[in-house]
Amino acid sequence: MIRKSNALEKVKRLNPIGGEGELESIALLQPEDFKGKGRMFAHNFLKPGSSIGLHTHTGDFEIYYILNGEGVFVDNGEDVQVSKGDVLITYDGESHALKNTGNVDIEFLACIIFS
């Protein structure tokens, strides 16, 4: 199967998961593509000054891969500076948030897999 870029769903979300500002997401896979193993794989753009609110994963885990930009990742209550090339993993039962502290979008891939 091939999905052409012009057919991918693009969504803008304001104040994502209780955060601030704007997140633009391009859904690379739909939940049914995971065949019961996960629910999200997306190419994301978190605008400067924006954030994804603190949330806990239950029954799944999430991976971010930072393609561009810089920010602060809240990893179970600990603030960690992140930038291009970093891999961020939040396991089942753990919490995380992300804030863009730079001048350009934080561009990242995100994938959620069931535990």
PDB file of N, CA and C in Angstrom:
ATOM      1  N   MET A   1       0.846  -1.181   0.000  1.00  0.00           N
ATOM      2  CA  MET A   1       0.000   0.000   0.000  1.00  0.00           C
ATOM      3  C   MET A   1       0.889   1.240   0.000  1.00  0.00           C
ATOM      4  N   ILE A   2       0.456   2.235  -0.717  1.00  0.00           N
ATOM      5  CA  ILE A   2       1.141   3.535  -0.756  1.00  0.00           C
ATOM      6  C   ILE A   2       0.097   4.616  -0.529  1.00  0.00           C
ATOM      7  N   ARG A   3       0.437   5.557   0.324  1.00  0.00           N
ATOM      8  CA  ARG A   3      -0.410   6.737   0.510  1.00  0.00           C
ATOM      9  C   ARG A   3       0.362   7.931  -0.020  1.00  0.00           C
ATOM     10  N   LYS A   4      -0.180   8.598  -0.984  1.00  0.00           N
ATOM     11  CA  LYS A   4       0.452   9.786  -1.545  1.00  0.00           C
ATOM     12  C   LYS A   4       0.294  10.959  -0.576  1.00  0.00           C
ATOM     13  N   SER A   5       1.283  11.826  -0.554  1.00  0.00           N
ATOM     14  CA  SER A   5       1.293  12.932   0.405  1.00  0.00           C
ATOM     15  C   SER A   5       0.056  13.816   0.283  1.00  0.00           C
ATOM     16  N   ASN A   6      -0.451  13.996  -0.931  1.00  0.00           N
ATOM     17  CA  ASN A   6      -1.617  14.877  -1.105  1.00  0.00           C
ATOM     18  C   ASN A   6      -2.911  14.248  -0.596  1.00  0.00           C
ATOM     19  N   ALA A   7      -2.856  12.962  -0.225  1.00  0.00           N
ATOM     20  CA  ALA A   7      -4.050  12.282   0.293  1.00  0.00           C
ATOM     21  C   ALA A   7      -4.031  12.154   1.822  1.00  0.00           C
ATOM     22  N   LEU A   8      -2.954  12.583   2.452  1.00  0.00           N
ATOM     23  CA  LEU A   8      -2.844  12.454   3.912  1.00  0.00           C
ATOM     24  C   LEU A   8      -3.679  13.512   4.629  1.00  0.00           C
ATOM     25  N   GLU A   9      -4.320  13.100   5.701  1.00  0.00           N
ATOM     26  CA  GLU A   9      -5.168  13.999   6.494  1.00  0.00           C
ATOM     27  C   GLU A   9      -4.302  14.942   7.331  1.00  0.00           C
ATOM     28  N   LYS A  10      -4.561  16.239   7.212  1.00  0.00           N
ATOM     29  CA  LYS A  10      -3.849  17.259   7.986  1.00  0.00           C
ATOM     30  C   LYS A  10      -4.837  17.914   8.937  1.00  0.00           C
ATOM     31  N   VAL A  11      -4.438  18.021  10.209  1.00  0.00           N
ATOM     32  CA  VAL A  11      -5.324  18.580  11.227  1.00  0.00           C
ATOM     33  C   VAL A  11      -4.553  19.611  12.048  1.00  0.00           C
ATOM     34  N   LYS A  12      -5.189  20.768  12.278  1.00  0.00           N
ATOM     35  CA  LYS A  12      -4.635  21.768  13.199  1.00  0.00           C
ATOM     36  C   LYS A  12      -5.393  21.667  14.507  1.00  0.00           C
ATOM     37  N   ARG A  13      -4.651  21.571  15.614  1.00  0.00           N
ATOM     38  CA  ARG A  13      -5.278  21.473  16.930  1.00  0.00           C
ATOM     39  C   ARG A  13      -4.814  22.639  17.790  1.00  0.00           C
ATOM     40  N   LEU A  14      -5.763  23.330  18.382  1.00  0.00           N
ATOM     41  CA  LEU A  14      -5.446  24.408  19.309  1.00  0.00           C
ATOM     42  C   LEU A  14      -5.385  23.845  20.720  1.00  0.00           C
ATOM     43  N   ASN A  15      -4.438  24.325  21.506  1.00  0.00           N
ATOM     44  CA  ASN A  15      -4.260  23.909  22.900  1.00  0.00           C
ATOM     45  C   ASN A  15      -4.258  22.384  23.043  1.00  0.00           C
ATOM     46  N   PRO A  16      -3.337  21.704  22.341  1.00  0.00           N
ATOM     47  CA  PRO A  16      -3.349  20.242  22.322  1.00  0.00           C
ATOM     48  C   PRO A  16      -3.177  19.603  23.704  1.00  0.00           C
ATOM     49  N   ILE A  17      -4.088  18.727  24.023  1.00  0.00           N
ATOM     50  CA  ILE A  17      -4.125  17.985  25.292  1.00  0.00           C
ATOM     51  C   ILE A  17      -3.947  18.936  26.487  1.00  0.00           C
ATOM     52  N   GLY A  18      -4.613  20.069  26.438  1.00  0.00           N
ATOM     53  CA  GLY A  18      -4.541  21.024  27.536  1.00  0.00           C
ATOM     54  C   GLY A  18      -3.320  21.918  27.514  1.00  0.00           C
ATOM     55  N   GLY A  19      -2.534  21.848  26.450  1.00  0.00           N
ATOM     56  CA  GLY A  19      -1.368  22.714  26.321  1.00  0.00           C
ATOM     57  C   GLY A  19      -1.772  24.083  25.792  1.00  0.00           C
ATOM     58  N   GLU A  20      -0.809  24.774  25.199  1.00  0.00           N
ATOM     59  CA  GLU A  20      -1.051  26.121  24.682  1.00  0.00           C
ATOM     60  C   GLU A  20      -0.665  26.181  23.209  1.00  0.00           C
ATOM     61  N   GLY A  21      -1.319  27.061  22.468  1.00  0.00           N
ATOM     62  CA  GLY A  21      -0.927  27.324  21.097  1.00  0.00           C
ATOM     63  C   GLY A  21      -1.459  26.313  20.104  1.00  0.00           C
ATOM     64  N   GLU A  22      -0.625  25.987  19.107  1.00  0.00           N
ATOM     65  CA  GLU A  22      -1.100  25.212  17.959  1.00  0.00           C
ATOM     66  C   GLU A  22      -0.154  24.067  17.599  1.00  0.00           C
ATOM     67  N   LEU A  23      -0.767  22.934  17.277  1.00  0.00           N
ATOM     68  CA  LEU A  23      -0.073  21.755  16.774  1.00  0.00           C
ATOM     69  C   LEU A  23      -0.714  21.370  15.451  1.00  0.00           C
ATOM     70  N   GLU A  24       0.087  21.231  14.425  1.00  0.00           N
ATOM     71  CA  GLU A  24      -0.408  20.730  13.144  1.00  0.00           C
ATOM     72  C   GLU A  24       0.081  19.296  12.993  1.00  0.00           C
ATOM     73  N   SER A  25      -0.841  18.380  12.671  1.00  0.00           N
ATOM     74  CA  SER A  25      -0.509  16.964  12.534  1.00  0.00           C
ATOM     75  C   SER A  25      -0.914  16.450  11.164  1.00  0.00           C
ATOM     76  N   ILE A  26      -0.065  15.603  10.616  1.00  0.00           N
ATOM     77  CA  ILE A  26      -0.375  14.881   9.392  1.00  0.00           C
ATOM     78  C   ILE A  26      -0.425  13.406   9.770  1.00  0.00           C
ATOM     79  N   ALA A  27      -1.600  12.810   9.659  1.00  0.00           N
ATOM     80  CA  ALA A  27      -1.772  11.398  10.002  1.00  0.00           C
ATOM     81  C   ALA A  27      -1.115  10.544   8.922  1.00  0.00           C
ATOM     82  N   LEU A  28      -0.066   9.810   9.290  1.00  0.00           N
ATOM     83  CA  LEU A  28       0.615   8.937   8.343  1.00  0.00           C
ATOM     84  C   LEU A  28      -0.061   7.572   8.282  1.00  0.00           C
ATOM     85  N   LEU A  29      -0.587   7.137   9.408  1.00  0.00           N
ATOM     86  CA  LEU A  29      -1.368   5.907   9.490  1.00  0.00           C
ATOM     87  C   LEU A  29      -2.677   6.200  10.198  1.00  0.00           C
ATOM     88  N   GLN A  30      -3.682   5.433   9.886  1.00  0.00           N
ATOM     89  CA  GLN A  30      -4.971   5.500  10.575  1.00  0.00           C
ATOM     90  C   GLN A  30      -5.016   4.362  11.594  1.00  0.00           C
ATOM     91  N   PRO A  31      -5.847   4.471  12.638  1.00  0.00           N
ATOM     92  CA  PRO A  31      -5.895   3.416  13.660  1.00  0.00           C
ATOM     93  C   PRO A  31      -6.079   2.011  13.084  1.00  0.00           C
ATOM     94  N   GLU A  32      -6.900   1.864  12.056  1.00  0.00           N
ATOM     95  CA  GLU A  32      -7.135   0.536  11.488  1.00  0.00           C
ATOM     96  C   GLU A  32      -5.884  -0.045  10.811  1.00  0.00           C
ATOM     97  N   ASP A  33      -4.930   0.795  10.436  1.00  0.00           N
ATOM     98  CA  ASP A  33      -3.692   0.316   9.825  1.00  0.00           C
ATOM     99  C   ASP A  33      -2.832  -0.474  10.807  1.00  0.00           C
ATOM    100  N   PHE A  34      -3.032  -0.260  12.095  1.00  0.00           N
ATOM    101  CA  PHE A  34      -2.238  -0.932  13.120  1.00  0.00           C
ATOM    102  C   PHE A  34      -2.696  -2.365  13.404  1.00  0.00           C
ATOM    103  N   LYS A  35      -3.843  -2.752  12.866  1.00  0.00           N
ATOM    104  CA  LYS A  35      -4.374  -4.108  13.063  1.00  0.00           C
ATOM    105  C   LYS A  35      -4.433  -4.475  14.547  1.00  0.00           C
ATOM    106  N   GLY A  36      -4.912  -3.490  15.368  1.00  0.00           N
ATOM    107  CA  GLY A  36      -5.085  -3.722  16.796  1.00  0.00           C
ATOM    108  C   GLY A  36      -3.835  -3.559  17.645  1.00  0.00           C
ATOM    109  N   LYS A  37      -2.726  -3.120  17.049  1.00  0.00           N
ATOM    110  CA  LYS A  37      -1.456  -3.006  17.773  1.00  0.00           C
ATOM    111  C   LYS A  37      -1.115  -1.574  18.198  1.00  0.00           C
ATOM    112  N   GLY A  38      -1.856  -0.590  17.696  1.00  0.00           N
ATOM    113  CA  GLY A  38      -1.564   0.793  18.023  1.00  0.00           C
ATOM    114  C   GLY A  38      -2.662   1.698  17.494  1.00  0.00           C
ATOM    115  N   ARG A  39      -2.439   3.019  17.637  1.00  0.00           N
ATOM    116  CA  ARG A  39      -3.508   3.924  17.232  1.00  0.00           C
ATOM    117  C   ARG A  39      -3.060   5.204  16.533  1.00  0.00           C
ATOM    118  N   MET A  40      -1.738   5.511  16.528  1.00  0.00           N
ATOM    119  CA  MET A  40      -1.348   6.766  15.905  1.00  0.00           C
ATOM    120  C   MET A  40       0.092   6.729  15.415  1.00  0.00           C
ATOM    121  N   PHE A  41       0.295   7.255  14.211  1.00  0.00           N
ATOM    122  CA  PHE A  41       1.618   7.539  13.672  1.00  0.00           C
ATOM    123  C   PHE A  41       1.442   8.817  12.869  1.00  0.00           C
ATOM    124  N   ALA A  42       2.108   9.900  13.305  1.00  0.00           N
ATOM    125  CA  ALA A  42       1.863  11.210  12.710  1.00  0.00           C
ATOM    126  C   ALA A  42       3.151  12.022  12.595  1.00  0.00           C
ATOM    127  N   HIS A  43       3.142  12.918  11.608  1.00  0.00           N
ATOM    128  CA  HIS A  43       4.204  13.905  11.407  1.00  0.00           C
ATOM    129  C   HIS A  43       3.651  15.207  11.967  1.00  0.00           C
ATOM    130  N   ASN A  44       4.305  15.763  12.978  1.00  0.00           N
ATOM    131  CA  ASN A  44       3.763  16.886  13.737  1.00  0.00           C
ATOM    132  C   ASN A  44       4.640  18.123  13.643  1.00  0.00           C
ATOM    133  N   PHE A  45       3.974  19.278  13.795  1.00  0.00           N
ATOM    134  CA  PHE A  45       4.641  20.578  13.801  1.00  0.00           C
ATOM    135  C   PHE A  45       4.085  21.381  14.974  1.00  0.00           C
ATOM    136  N   LEU A  46       4.885  21.525  16.032  1.00  0.00           N
ATOM    137  CA  LEU A  46       4.484  22.294  17.213  1.00  0.00           C
ATOM    138  C   LEU A  46       5.051  23.699  17.057  1.00  0.00           C
ATOM    139  N   LYS A  47       4.171  24.682  16.979  1.00  0.00           N
ATOM    140  CA  LYS A  47       4.548  26.059  16.688  1.00  0.00           C
ATOM    141  C   LYS A  47       5.361  26.676  17.838  1.00  0.00           C
ATOM    142  N   PRO A  48       6.222  27.659  17.538  1.00  0.00           N
ATOM    143  CA  PRO A  48       6.998  28.330  18.587  1.00  0.00           C
ATOM    144  C   PRO A  48       6.095  28.847  19.711  1.00  0.00           C
ATOM    145  N   GLY A  49       6.507  28.621  20.956  1.00  0.00           N
ATOM    146  CA  GLY A  49       5.737  29.048  22.120  1.00  0.00           C
ATOM    147  C   GLY A  49       4.590  28.121  22.476  1.00  0.00           C
ATOM    148  N   SER A  50       4.317  27.134  21.644  1.00  0.00           N
ATOM    149  CA  SER A  50       3.200  26.209  21.882  1.00  0.00           C
ATOM    150  C   SER A  50       3.652  25.011  22.706  1.00  0.00           C
ATOM    151  N   SER A  51       2.667  24.294  23.263  1.00  0.00           N
ATOM    152  CA  SER A  51       2.988  23.118  24.068  1.00  0.00           C
ATOM    153  C   SER A  51       1.910  22.051  23.934  1.00  0.00           C
ATOM    154  N   ILE A  52       2.323  20.817  24.177  1.00  0.00           N
ATOM    155  CA  ILE A  52       1.412  19.690  24.326  1.00  0.00           C
ATOM    156  C   ILE A  52       1.310  19.469  25.833  1.00  0.00           C
ATOM    157  N   GLY A  53       0.097  19.501  26.364  1.00  0.00           N
ATOM    158  CA  GLY A  53      -0.104  19.426  27.804  1.00  0.00           C
ATOM    159  C   GLY A  53       0.321  18.101  28.418  1.00  0.00           C
ATOM    160  N   LEU A  54       0.609  18.155  29.708  1.00  0.00           N
ATOM    161  CA  LEU A  54       1.017  16.980  30.471  1.00  0.00           C
ATOM    162  C   LEU A  54      -0.118  15.958  30.472  1.00  0.00           C
ATOM    163  N   HIS A  55       0.222  14.720  30.124  1.00  0.00           N
ATOM    164  CA  HIS A  55      -0.765  13.644  30.131  1.00  0.00           C
ATOM    165  C   HIS A  55      -0.080  12.311  30.408  1.00  0.00           C
ATOM    166  N   THR A  56      -0.857  11.365  30.906  1.00  0.00           N
ATOM    167  CA  THR A  56      -0.361  10.038  31.263  1.00  0.00           C
ATOM    168  C   THR A  56      -0.868   9.018  30.255  1.00  0.00           C
ATOM    169  N   HIS A  57      -0.008   8.085  29.909  1.00  0.00           N
ATOM    170  CA  HIS A  57      -0.396   7.003  28.998  1.00  0.00           C
ATOM    171  C   HIS A  57      -0.852   5.791  29.799  1.00  0.00           C
ATOM    172  N   THR A  58      -1.999   5.262  29.408  1.00  0.00           N
ATOM    173  CA  THR A  58      -2.576   4.093  30.051  1.00  0.00           C
ATOM    174  C   THR A  58      -2.950   3.090  28.963  1.00  0.00           C
ATOM    175  N   GLY A  59      -2.321   1.925  28.995  1.00  0.00           N
ATOM    176  CA  GLY A  59      -2.613   0.897  28.007  1.00  0.00           C
ATOM    177  C   GLY A  59      -1.861   1.062  26.702  1.00  0.00           C
ATOM    178  N   ASP A  60      -0.982   2.071  26.629  1.00  0.00           N
ATOM    179  CA  ASP A  60      -0.177   2.281  25.431  1.00  0.00           C
ATOM    180  C   ASP A  60       1.102   3.017  25.800  1.00  0.00           C
ATOM    181  N   PHE A  61       1.989   3.174  24.834  1.00  0.00           N
ATOM    182  CA  PHE A  61       3.181   3.998  25.039  1.00  0.00           C
ATOM    183  C   PHE A  61       3.424   4.809  23.778  1.00  0.00           C
ATOM    184  N   GLU A  62       4.144   5.933  23.940  1.00  0.00           N
ATOM    185  CA  GLU A  62       4.332   6.862  22.826  1.00  0.00           C
ATOM    186  C   GLU A  62       5.809   7.155  22.620  1.00  0.00           C
ATOM    187  N   ILE A  63       6.173   7.274  21.357  1.00  0.00           N
ATOM    188  CA  ILE A  63       7.541   7.583  20.961  1.00  0.00           C
ATOM    189  C   ILE A  63       7.504   8.852  20.118  1.00  0.00           C
ATOM    190  N   TYR A  64       8.384   9.811  20.438  1.00  0.00           N
ATOM    191  CA  TYR A  64       8.587  10.992  19.602  1.00  0.00           C
ATOM    192  C   TYR A  64      10.000  10.898  19.024  1.00  0.00           C
ATOM    193  N   TYR A  65      10.152  11.281  17.760  1.00  0.00           N
ATOM    194  CA  TYR A  65      11.468  11.441  17.154  1.00  0.00           C
ATOM    195  C   TYR A  65      11.542  12.868  16.625  1.00  0.00           C
ATOM    196  N   ILE A  66      12.454  13.664  17.195  1.00  0.00           N
ATOM    197  CA  ILE A  66      12.558  15.084  16.855  1.00  0.00           C
ATOM    198  C   ILE A  66      13.340  15.233  15.542  1.00  0.00           C
ATOM    199  N   LEU A  67      12.673  15.807  14.542  1.00  0.00           N
ATOM    200  CA  LEU A  67      13.286  16.030  13.234  1.00  0.00           C
ATOM    201  C   LEU A  67      13.928  17.404  13.126  1.00  0.00           C
ATOM    202  N   ASN A  68      13.369  18.388  13.850  1.00  0.00           N
ATOM    203  CA  ASN A  68      13.876  19.761  13.785  1.00  0.00           C
ATOM    204  C   ASN A  68      13.332  20.548  14.969  1.00  0.00           C
ATOM    205  N   GLY A  69      14.068  21.574  15.366  1.00  0.00           N
ATOM    206  CA  GLY A  69      13.618  22.451  16.442  1.00  0.00           C
ATOM    207  C   GLY A  69      14.171  22.033  17.793  1.00  0.00           C
ATOM    208  N   GLU A  70      13.723  22.773  18.813  1.00  0.00           N
ATOM    209  CA  GLU A  70      14.191  22.496  20.178  1.00  0.00           C
ATOM    210  C   GLU A  70      13.108  22.880  21.176  1.00  0.00           C
ATOM    211  N   GLY A  71      13.183  22.239  22.325  1.00  0.00           N
ATOM    212  CA  GLY A  71      12.194  22.525  23.340  1.00  0.00           C
ATOM    213  C   GLY A  71      12.504  21.840  24.649  1.00  0.00           C
ATOM    214  N   VAL A  72      11.486  21.794  25.499  1.00  0.00           N
ATOM    215  CA  VAL A  72      11.588  21.141  26.801  1.00  0.00           C
ATOM    216  C   VAL A  72      10.569  20.011  26.835  1.00  0.00           C
ATOM    217  N   PHE A  73      11.069  18.824  27.126  1.00  0.00           N
ATOM    218  CA  PHE A  73      10.234  17.633  27.265  1.00  0.00           C
ATOM    219  C   PHE A  73      10.096  17.356  28.752  1.00  0.00           C
ATOM    220  N   VAL A  74       8.867  17.253  29.230  1.00  0.00           N
ATOM    221  CA  VAL A  74       8.624  16.897  30.632  1.00  0.00           C
ATOM    222  C   VAL A  74       8.489  15.378  30.673  1.00  0.00           C
ATOM    223  N   ASP A  75       9.484  14.729  31.257  1.00  0.00           N
ATOM    224  CA  ASP A  75       9.578  13.272  31.320  1.00  0.00           C
ATOM    225  C   ASP A  75       9.317  12.832  32.757  1.00  0.00           C
ATOM    226  N   ASN A  76       8.061  12.483  33.045  1.00  0.00           N
ATOM    227  CA  ASN A  76       7.676  12.069  34.405  1.00  0.00           C
ATOM    228  C   ASN A  76       8.087  13.104  35.450  1.00  0.00           C
ATOM    229  N   GLY A  77       7.823  14.379  35.146  1.00  0.00           N
ATOM    230  CA  GLY A  77       8.079  15.454  36.092  1.00  0.00           C
ATOM    231  C   GLY A  77       9.441  16.102  35.960  1.00  0.00           C
ATOM    232  N   GLU A  78      10.332  15.540  35.161  1.00  0.00           N
ATOM    233  CA  GLU A  78      11.667  16.102  34.975  1.00  0.00           C
ATOM    234  C   GLU A  78      11.745  16.841  33.638  1.00  0.00           C
ATOM    235  N   ASP A  79      12.165  18.116  33.677  1.00  0.00           N
ATOM    236  CA  ASP A  79      12.331  18.903  32.456  1.00  0.00           C
ATOM    237  C   ASP A  79      13.661  18.563  31.797  1.00  0.00           C
ATOM    238  N   VAL A  80      13.616  18.212  30.505  1.00  0.00           N
ATOM    239  CA  VAL A  80      14.809  17.838  29.757  1.00  0.00           C
ATOM    240  C   VAL A  80      14.825  18.615  28.442  1.00  0.00           C
ATOM    241  N   GLN A  81      15.939  19.283  28.146  1.00  0.00           N
ATOM    242  CA  GLN A  81      16.096  19.975  26.872  1.00  0.00           C
ATOM    243  C   GLN A  81      16.193  18.928  25.764  1.00  0.00           C
ATOM    244  N   VAL A  82      15.454  19.145  24.666  1.00  0.00           N
ATOM    245  CA  VAL A  82      15.486  18.217  23.537  1.00  0.00           C
ATOM    246  C   VAL A  82      15.675  18.986  22.245  1.00  0.00           C
ATOM    247  N   SER A  83      16.245  18.292  21.253  1.00  0.00           N
ATOM    248  CA  SER A  83      16.478  18.909  19.947  1.00  0.00           C
ATOM    249  C   SER A  83      16.597  17.827  18.880  1.00  0.00           C
ATOM    250  N   LYS A  84      16.868  18.261  17.666  1.00  0.00           N
ATOM    251  CA  LYS A  84      16.939  17.395  16.498  1.00  0.00           C
ATOM    252  C   LYS A  84      17.720  16.114  16.787  1.00  0.00           C
ATOM    253  N   GLY A  85      17.113  14.976  16.409  1.00  0.00           N
ATOM    254  CA  GLY A  85      17.758  13.674  16.561  1.00  0.00           C
ATOM    255  C   GLY A  85      17.421  12.940  17.840  1.00  0.00           C
ATOM    256  N   ASP A  86      16.798  13.615  18.800  1.00  0.00           N
ATOM    257  CA  ASP A  86      16.458  12.969  20.076  1.00  0.00           C
ATOM    258  C   ASP A  86      15.239  12.063  19.918  1.00  0.00           C
ATOM    259  N   VAL A  87      15.269  10.940  20.633  1.00  0.00           N
ATOM    260  CA  VAL A  87      14.148  10.001  20.685  1.00  0.00           C
ATOM    261  C   VAL A  87      13.581  10.055  22.093  1.00  0.00           C
ATOM    262  N   LEU A  88      12.283  10.314  22.211  1.00  0.00           N
ATOM    263  CA  LEU A  88      11.619  10.476  23.504  1.00  0.00           C
ATOM    264  C   LEU A  88      10.600   9.358  23.656  1.00  0.00           C
ATOM    265  N   ILE A  89      10.702   8.598  24.739  1.00  0.00           N
ATOM    266  CA  ILE A  89       9.821   7.447  24.941  1.00  0.00           C
ATOM    267  C   ILE A  89       9.058   7.622  26.242  1.00  0.00           C
ATOM    268  N   THR A  90       7.742   7.466  26.171  1.00  0.00           N
ATOM    269  CA  THR A  90       6.880   7.526  27.353  1.00  0.00           C
ATOM    270  C   THR A  90       6.140   6.196  27.431  1.00  0.00           C
ATOM    271  N   TYR A  91       6.509   5.386  28.423  1.00  0.00           N
ATOM    272  CA  TYR A  91       5.925   4.048  28.565  1.00  0.00           C
ATOM    273  C   TYR A  91       4.560   4.093  29.252  1.00  0.00           C
ATOM    274  N   ASP A  92       3.867   2.989  29.171  1.00  0.00           N
ATOM    275  CA  ASP A  92       2.568   2.795  29.825  1.00  0.00           C
ATOM    276  C   ASP A  92       2.687   3.179  31.303  1.00  0.00           C
ATOM    277  N   GLY A  93       1.795   4.052  31.765  1.00  0.00           N
ATOM    278  CA  GLY A  93       1.801   4.506  33.154  1.00  0.00           C
ATOM    279  C   GLY A  93       2.647   5.737  33.408  1.00  0.00           C
ATOM    280  N   GLU A  94       3.398   6.179  32.423  1.00  0.00           N
ATOM    281  CA  GLU A  94       4.238   7.359  32.571  1.00  0.00           C
ATOM    282  C   GLU A  94       3.554   8.578  31.961  1.00  0.00           C
ATOM    283  N   SER A  95       4.079   9.772  32.310  1.00  0.00           N
ATOM    284  CA  SER A  95       3.491  11.014  31.809  1.00  0.00           C
ATOM    285  C   SER A  95       4.541  11.846  31.090  1.00  0.00           C
ATOM    286  N   HIS A  96       4.038  12.701  30.186  1.00  0.00           N
ATOM    287  CA  HIS A  96       4.944  13.581  29.454  1.00  0.00           C
ATOM    288  C   HIS A  96       4.208  14.798  28.924  1.00  0.00           C
ATOM    289  N   ALA A  97       5.001  15.796  28.536  1.00  0.00           N
ATOM    290  CA  ALA A  97       4.530  17.021  27.894  1.00  0.00           C
ATOM    291  C   ALA A  97       5.678  17.532  27.038  1.00  0.00           C
ATOM    292  N   LEU A  98       5.385  18.451  26.121  1.00  0.00           N
ATOM    293  CA  LEU A  98       6.425  19.026  25.268  1.00  0.00           C
ATOM    294  C   LEU A  98       6.115  20.494  25.036  1.00  0.00           C
ATOM    295  N   LYS A  99       7.145  21.351  25.203  1.00  0.00           N
ATOM    296  CA  LYS A  99       6.992  22.783  24.946  1.00  0.00           C
ATOM    297  C   LYS A  99       8.056  23.226  23.956  1.00  0.00           C
ATOM    298  N   ASN A 100       7.617  23.980  22.942  1.00  0.00           N
ATOM    299  CA  ASN A 100       8.534  24.539  21.966  1.00  0.00           C
ATOM    300  C   ASN A 100       9.109  25.832  22.542  1.00  0.00           C
ATOM    301  N   THR A 101      10.418  25.830  22.808  1.00  0.00           N
ATOM    302  CA  THR A 101      11.090  27.013  23.357  1.00  0.00           C
ATOM    303  C   THR A 101      11.936  27.728  22.307  1.00  0.00           C
ATOM    304  N   GLY A 102      11.880  27.244  21.074  1.00  0.00           N
ATOM    305  CA  GLY A 102      12.690  27.830  20.007  1.00  0.00           C
ATOM    306  C   GLY A 102      11.918  28.809  19.147  1.00  0.00           C
ATOM    307  N   ASN A 103      12.550  29.190  18.040  1.00  0.00           N
ATOM    308  CA  ASN A 103      11.977  30.170  17.111  1.00  0.00           C
ATOM    309  C   ASN A 103      11.384  29.540  15.857  1.00  0.00           C
ATOM    310  N   VAL A 104      11.506  28.230  15.719  1.00  0.00           N
ATOM    311  CA  VAL A 104      10.944  27.502  14.585  1.00  0.00           C
ATOM    312  C   VAL A 104      10.077  26.371  15.131  1.00  0.00           C
ATOM    313  N   ASP A 105       9.261  25.793  14.261  1.00  0.00           N
ATOM    314  CA  ASP A 105       8.441  24.653  14.671  1.00  0.00           C
ATOM    315  C   ASP A 105       9.324  23.525  15.208  1.00  0.00           C
ATOM    316  N   ILE A 106       8.832  22.827  16.239  1.00  0.00           N
ATOM    317  CA  ILE A 106       9.412  21.521  16.559  1.00  0.00           C
ATOM    318  C   ILE A 106       8.698  20.560  15.619  1.00  0.00           C
ATOM    319  N   GLU A 107       9.470  19.975  14.735  1.00  0.00           N
ATOM    320  CA  GLU A 107       8.938  19.000  13.790  1.00  0.00           C
ATOM    321  C   GLU A 107       9.297  17.619  14.337  1.00  0.00           C
ATOM    322  N   PHE A 108       8.297  16.759  14.500  1.00  0.00           N
ATOM    323  CA  PHE A 108       8.580  15.445  15.074  1.00  0.00           C
ATOM    324  C   PHE A 108       7.593  14.388  14.597  1.00  0.00           C
ATOM    325  N   LEU A 109       8.058  13.162  14.612  1.00  0.00           N
ATOM    326  CA  LEU A 109       7.213  12.017  14.357  1.00  0.00           C
ATOM    327  C   LEU A 109       6.731  11.495  15.700  1.00  0.00           C
ATOM    328  N   ALA A 110       5.480  11.052  15.758  1.00  0.00           N
ATOM    329  CA  ALA A 110       4.934  10.482  16.990  1.00  0.00           C
ATOM    330  C   ALA A 110       4.207   9.195  16.642  1.00  0.00           C
ATOM    331  N   CYS A 111       4.416   8.190  17.489  1.00  0.00           N
ATOM    332  CA  CYS A 111       3.767   6.898  17.282  1.00  0.00           C
ATOM    333  C   CYS A 111       3.251   6.388  18.626  1.00  0.00           C
ATOM    334  N   ILE A 112       2.009   5.926  18.653  1.00  0.00           N
ATOM    335  CA  ILE A 112       1.428   5.342  19.856  1.00  0.00           C
ATOM    336  C   ILE A 112       1.113   3.882  19.568  1.00  0.00           C
ATOM    337  N   ILE A 113       1.691   3.016  20.412  1.00  0.00           N
ATOM    338  CA  ILE A 113       1.539   1.560  20.289  1.00  0.00           C
ATOM    339  C   ILE A 113       0.888   1.035  21.560  1.00  0.00           C
ATOM    340  N   PHE A 114      -0.013   0.069  21.423  1.00  0.00           N
ATOM    341  CA  PHE A 114      -0.662  -0.518  22.594  1.00  0.00           C
ATOM    342  C   PHE A 114       0.334  -1.381  23.368  1.00  0.00           C
ATOM    343  N   SER A 115       0.206  -1.371  24.690  1.00  0.00           N
ATOM    344  CA  SER A 115       1.082  -2.170  25.559  1.00  0.00           C
ATOM    345  C   SER A 115       0.672  -3.621  25.558  1.00  0.00           C
TER     346      SER A 115
END
